[in-house]
């Protein structure tokens, strides 16, 4: 499923954003994650509510929309209220 819906950016690879910036991974169905850093040719993203990091090529990343940011932050706050995130 992920490979079929992947829509790479046609622009040149963007510069790395600031750590903690919320980005959408278009190769994984617009999954939102926090930018953690650069790992070779890949960018490391982590789910906003905590969890396992994943790596993605920069061409498959775009800034998260305001709605996506709100959903991700709300999910993190809900997880924190349940004691799942510190």
C-alpha atoms as a PDB file:
ATOM      1  CA  UNK A   1       0.000   0.000   0.000  1.00  0.00           C
ATOM      2  CA  UNK A   2       2.703   2.492   0.900  1.00  0.00           C
ATOM      3  CA  UNK A   3       4.615   2.229  -2.347  1.00  0.00           C
ATOM      4  CA  UNK A   4       1.517   2.661  -4.509  1.00  0.00           C
ATOM      5  CA  UNK A   5       0.472   5.914  -2.836  1.00  0.00           C
ATOM      6  CA  UNK A   6       3.948   7.409  -2.699  1.00  0.00           C
ATOM      7  CA  UNK A   7       4.129  10.796  -4.360  1.00  0.00           C
ATOM      8  CA  UNK A   8       7.676  12.118  -4.421  1.00  0.00           C
ATOM      9  CA  UNK A   9       8.270  15.846  -4.425  1.00  0.00           C
ATOM     10  CA  UNK A  10       9.489  17.085  -7.798  1.00  0.00           C
ATOM     11  CA  UNK A  11      11.564  19.846  -6.222  1.00  0.00           C
ATOM     12  CA  UNK A  12      15.228  19.514  -5.324  1.00  0.00           C
ATOM     13  CA  UNK A  13      15.815  17.956  -1.886  1.00  0.00           C
ATOM     14  CA  UNK A  14      15.003  20.543   0.771  1.00  0.00           C
ATOM     15  CA  UNK A  15      17.375  21.670   3.457  1.00  0.00           C
ATOM     16  CA  UNK A  16      17.013  19.880   6.761  1.00  0.00           C
ATOM     17  CA  UNK A  17      14.462  21.555   9.035  1.00  0.00           C
ATOM     18  CA  UNK A  18      14.971  22.352  12.696  1.00  0.00           C
ATOM     19  CA  UNK A  19      14.765  19.378  15.078  1.00  0.00           C
ATOM     20  CA  UNK A  20      11.190  18.918  16.290  1.00  0.00           C
ATOM     21  CA  UNK A  21       9.591  20.291  13.111  1.00  0.00           C
ATOM     22  CA  UNK A  22       6.478  18.364  12.124  1.00  0.00           C
ATOM     23  CA  UNK A  23       6.708  16.741   8.698  1.00  0.00           C
ATOM     24  CA  UNK A  24       4.459  14.467   6.643  1.00  0.00           C
ATOM     25  CA  UNK A  25       5.988  11.377   5.025  1.00  0.00           C
ATOM     26  CA  UNK A  26       4.210  10.936   1.671  1.00  0.00           C
ATOM     27  CA  UNK A  27       5.727   7.476   1.171  1.00  0.00           C
ATOM     28  CA  UNK A  28       3.790   6.245   4.220  1.00  0.00           C
ATOM     29  CA  UNK A  29       0.356   7.709   3.599  1.00  0.00           C
ATOM     30  CA  UNK A  30       1.191  11.206   4.903  1.00  0.00           C
ATOM     31  CA  UNK A  31       2.273   9.875   8.291  1.00  0.00           C
ATOM     32  CA  UNK A  32       3.279  12.813  10.508  1.00  0.00           C
ATOM     33  CA  UNK A  33       6.471  12.748  12.526  1.00  0.00           C
ATOM     34  CA  UNK A  34       8.922  15.019  14.313  1.00  0.00           C
ATOM     35  CA  UNK A  35      12.179  15.651  12.499  1.00  0.00           C
ATOM     36  CA  UNK A  36      15.004  14.174  14.587  1.00  0.00           C
ATOM     37  CA  UNK A  37      18.057  14.565  12.358  1.00  0.00           C
ATOM     38  CA  UNK A  38      19.930  13.457   9.272  1.00  0.00           C
ATOM     39  CA  UNK A  39      21.207   9.898   8.946  1.00  0.00           C
ATOM     40  CA  UNK A  40      23.289   9.706   5.787  1.00  0.00           C
ATOM     41  CA  UNK A  41      20.988  10.346   2.812  1.00  0.00           C
ATOM     42  CA  UNK A  42      17.874   9.887   4.976  1.00  0.00           C
ATOM     43  CA  UNK A  43      15.961  11.985   7.462  1.00  0.00           C
ATOM     44  CA  UNK A  44      14.916  10.463  10.787  1.00  0.00           C
ATOM     45  CA  UNK A  45      11.341  11.045  11.904  1.00  0.00           C
ATOM     46  CA  UNK A  46       9.639   9.981  15.130  1.00  0.00           C
ATOM     47  CA  UNK A  47       5.908   9.718  15.817  1.00  0.00           C
ATOM     48  CA  UNK A  48       4.680  12.758  17.733  1.00  0.00           C
ATOM     49  CA  UNK A  49       3.102  10.618  20.458  1.00  0.00           C
ATOM     50  CA  UNK A  50       6.323   8.669  20.934  1.00  0.00           C
ATOM     51  CA  UNK A  51       7.401   5.431  19.401  1.00  0.00           C
ATOM     52  CA  UNK A  52       9.905   4.000  17.014  1.00  0.00           C
ATOM     53  CA  UNK A  53      11.785   6.311  14.657  1.00  0.00           C
ATOM     54  CA  UNK A  54      11.823   5.680  10.936  1.00  0.00           C
ATOM     55  CA  UNK A  55      13.972   6.945   8.097  1.00  0.00           C
ATOM     56  CA  UNK A  56      12.740   8.482   4.865  1.00  0.00           C
ATOM     57  CA  UNK A  57      14.287  10.038   1.792  1.00  0.00           C
ATOM     58  CA  UNK A  58      13.939  13.836   1.895  1.00  0.00           C
ATOM     59  CA  UNK A  59      12.112  13.858  -1.446  1.00  0.00           C
ATOM     60  CA  UNK A  60       9.149  12.083   0.196  1.00  0.00           C
ATOM     61  CA  UNK A  61       8.800  14.657   2.985  1.00  0.00           C
ATOM     62  CA  UNK A  62       6.718  17.805   3.087  1.00  0.00           C
ATOM     63  CA  UNK A  63       5.798  20.203   5.889  1.00  0.00           C
ATOM     64  CA  UNK A  64       2.759  19.015   7.805  1.00  0.00           C
ATOM     65  CA  UNK A  65      -0.382  21.057   7.221  1.00  0.00           C
ATOM     66  CA  UNK A  66      -1.901  22.953  10.130  1.00  0.00           C
ATOM     67  CA  UNK A  67      -4.636  20.309  10.464  1.00  0.00           C
ATOM     68  CA  UNK A  68      -2.062  17.497  10.514  1.00  0.00           C
ATOM     69  CA  UNK A  69      -0.053  19.354  13.148  1.00  0.00           C
ATOM     70  CA  UNK A  70      -3.135  19.832  15.306  1.00  0.00           C
ATOM     71  CA  UNK A  71      -4.068  16.141  15.053  1.00  0.00           C
ATOM     72  CA  UNK A  72      -0.536  15.029  15.909  1.00  0.00           C
ATOM     73  CA  UNK A  73      -0.242  17.344  18.901  1.00  0.00           C
ATOM     74  CA  UNK A  74      -3.684  16.369  20.176  1.00  0.00           C
ATOM     75  CA  UNK A  75      -2.758  12.684  19.903  1.00  0.00           C
ATOM     76  CA  UNK A  76       0.424  13.378  21.901  1.00  0.00           C
ATOM     77  CA  UNK A  77      -1.467  15.224  24.627  1.00  0.00           C
ATOM     78  CA  UNK A  78      -4.027  12.419  24.853  1.00  0.00           C
ATOM     79  CA  UNK A  79      -1.249   9.814  25.149  1.00  0.00           C
ATOM     80  CA  UNK A  80       0.419  11.938  27.823  1.00  0.00           C
ATOM     81  CA  UNK A  81      -2.814  12.192  29.822  1.00  0.00           C
ATOM     82  CA  UNK A  82      -3.051   8.382  29.749  1.00  0.00           C
ATOM     83  CA  UNK A  83       0.531   8.123  31.059  1.00  0.00           C
ATOM     84  CA  UNK A  84       1.918   6.688  27.820  1.00  0.00           C
ATOM     85  CA  UNK A  85       4.259   9.630  27.101  1.00  0.00           C
ATOM     86  CA  UNK A  86       6.436  11.606  29.489  1.00  0.00           C
END
